[in-house]
Protein backbone atom coordinates (compact mmCIF):
# COMPACT_ATOMS: atom_id res chain seq x y z
CA UNK A 1 -15.50 20.00 -3.26
CA UNK A 2 -16.39 16.32 -3.40
CA UNK A 3 -14.20 14.03 -5.48
CA UNK A 4 -16.23 12.32 -8.18
CA UNK A 5 -14.91 8.79 -7.89
CA UNK A 6 -17.63 6.70 -6.31
CA UNK A 7 -21.27 7.49 -7.02
CA UNK A 8 -22.55 4.68 -4.82
CA UNK A 9 -22.38 6.39 -1.42
CA UNK A 10 -24.09 9.62 -2.55
CA UNK A 11 -26.85 7.44 -4.01
CA UNK A 12 -27.28 5.80 -0.59
CA UNK A 13 -27.32 9.21 1.11
CA UNK A 14 -29.94 10.45 -1.35
CA UNK A 15 -32.15 7.43 -0.66
CA UNK A 16 -31.75 7.88 3.10
CA UNK A 17 -32.63 11.56 2.75
CA UNK A 18 -35.96 10.44 1.31
CA UNK A 19 -36.59 7.78 3.96
CA UNK A 20 -34.88 5.83 6.74
CA UNK A 21 -34.08 2.30 5.60
CA UNK A 22 -32.76 -1.16 6.40
CA UNK A 23 -29.81 -2.65 4.50
CA UNK A 24 -31.78 -4.96 2.22
CA UNK A 25 -34.38 -2.26 1.56
CA UNK A 26 -31.62 0.19 0.62
CA UNK A 27 -30.16 -2.43 -1.73
CA UNK A 28 -33.53 -2.76 -3.50
CA UNK A 29 -33.96 1.02 -3.71
CA UNK A 30 -30.48 1.45 -5.22
CA UNK A 31 -31.44 -0.97 -7.98
CA UNK A 32 -34.77 0.78 -8.57
CA UNK A 33 -33.73 4.45 -8.33
CA UNK A 34 -30.01 4.48 -9.19
CA UNK A 35 -30.08 1.75 -11.83
CA UNK A 36 -27.21 -0.29 -10.43
CA UNK A 37 -26.67 -3.60 -8.67
CA UNK A 38 -24.83 -3.64 -5.35
CA UNK A 39 -23.43 -6.56 -3.40
CA UNK A 40 -25.02 -6.60 0.07
CA UNK A 41 -21.62 -7.05 1.72
CA UNK A 42 -20.27 -3.97 -0.06
CA UNK A 43 -23.38 -2.06 0.95
CA UNK A 44 -22.94 -2.91 4.64
CA UNK A 45 -19.24 -1.95 4.50
CA UNK A 46 -20.20 1.39 2.96
CA UNK A 47 -22.93 1.93 5.54
CA UNK A 48 -20.41 1.23 8.30
CA UNK A 49 -17.88 3.64 6.76
CA UNK A 50 -20.51 6.38 6.36
CA UNK A 51 -21.60 5.83 9.97
CA UNK A 52 -18.01 6.29 11.18
CA UNK A 53 -17.71 9.45 9.05
CA UNK A 54 -20.82 10.84 10.72
CA UNK A 55 -22.94 10.88 7.56
CA UNK A 56 -25.52 8.39 8.85
CA UNK A 57 -26.68 6.87 12.13
CA UNK A 58 -27.66 3.28 12.83
CA UNK A 59 -30.35 2.13 15.22
CA UNK A 60 -30.99 -1.49 16.16
CA UNK A 61 -34.42 -3.06 16.41
CA UNK A 62 -35.34 -6.52 17.62
CA UNK A 63 -36.61 -8.86 14.96
CA UNK A 64 -39.10 -11.57 15.82
CA UNK A 65 -37.59 -13.76 13.13
CA UNK A 66 -33.84 -13.76 12.68
CA UNK A 67 -31.10 -11.44 13.87
CA UNK A 68 -31.44 -7.84 15.02
CA UNK A 69 -32.23 -5.40 12.18
CA UNK A 70 -30.60 -2.02 11.85
CA UNK A 71 -32.21 1.04 10.34
CA UNK A 72 -30.08 3.81 8.87
CA UNK A 73 -30.82 7.54 8.89
CA UNK A 74 -28.94 10.40 7.23
CA UNK A 75 -27.46 13.07 9.53
CA UNK A 76 -27.15 16.81 8.94
CA UNK A 77 -23.48 16.18 8.14
CA UNK A 78 -24.55 13.56 5.58
CA UNK A 79 -27.00 16.02 4.02
CA UNK A 80 -24.23 18.63 3.74
CA UNK A 81 -21.89 16.07 2.14
CA UNK A 82 -24.61 15.08 -0.34
CA UNK A 83 -25.18 18.76 -1.20
CA UNK A 84 -21.43 19.08 -1.96
CA UNK A 85 -21.68 16.06 -4.25
CA UNK A 86 -24.66 17.52 -6.06
CA UNK A 87 -22.80 20.80 -6.68
CA UNK A 88 -19.76 18.88 -7.94
CA UNK A 89 -22.01 16.82 -10.23
CA UNK A 90 -23.61 19.98 -11.63
CA UNK A 91 -20.17 21.34 -12.49
CA UNK A 92 -19.09 18.04 -14.04
CA UNK A 93 -22.35 17.88 -15.99
CA UNK A 94 -21.69 21.32 -17.50
CA UNK A 95 -18.18 20.28 -18.55
CA UNK A 96 -19.35 16.96 -20.01
CA UNK A 97 -22.28 18.59 -21.84
CA UNK A 98 -19.97 21.19 -23.38
CA UNK A 99 -17.49 18.51 -24.46
CA UNK A 100 -20.25 16.44 -26.08
CA UNK A 101 -21.74 19.50 -27.80
CA UNK A 102 -18.36 20.58 -29.21
CA UNK A 103 -17.53 17.05 -30.27
CA UNK A 104 -20.83 16.65 -32.12
CA UNK A 105 -20.28 19.93 -33.97
CA UNK A 106 -16.99 18.63 -35.34
CA UNK A 107 -17.95 15.15 -36.51
């Protein structure tokens, strides 16, 4: 079962499951869909870590202006890891909902 410590990487995997993306595009999508700000340096470190873990792949493309751009794609292993996270979140959501419900009954 996934450990629920860092929600950032599963958010990236979810976005990559929807569509392959470049670093800056992923950063914008995180802000739009996951409602959080992310430092671009932290994002690239996470992308590198997830690539080494086999959750995503990186493919370089020449850019006519500026340095080479890299697109990121989720792998089957990344999809499986994301599915584990979703199941863990469902379980946590049940526990949290029950706690809130019981708390509200007693205030």
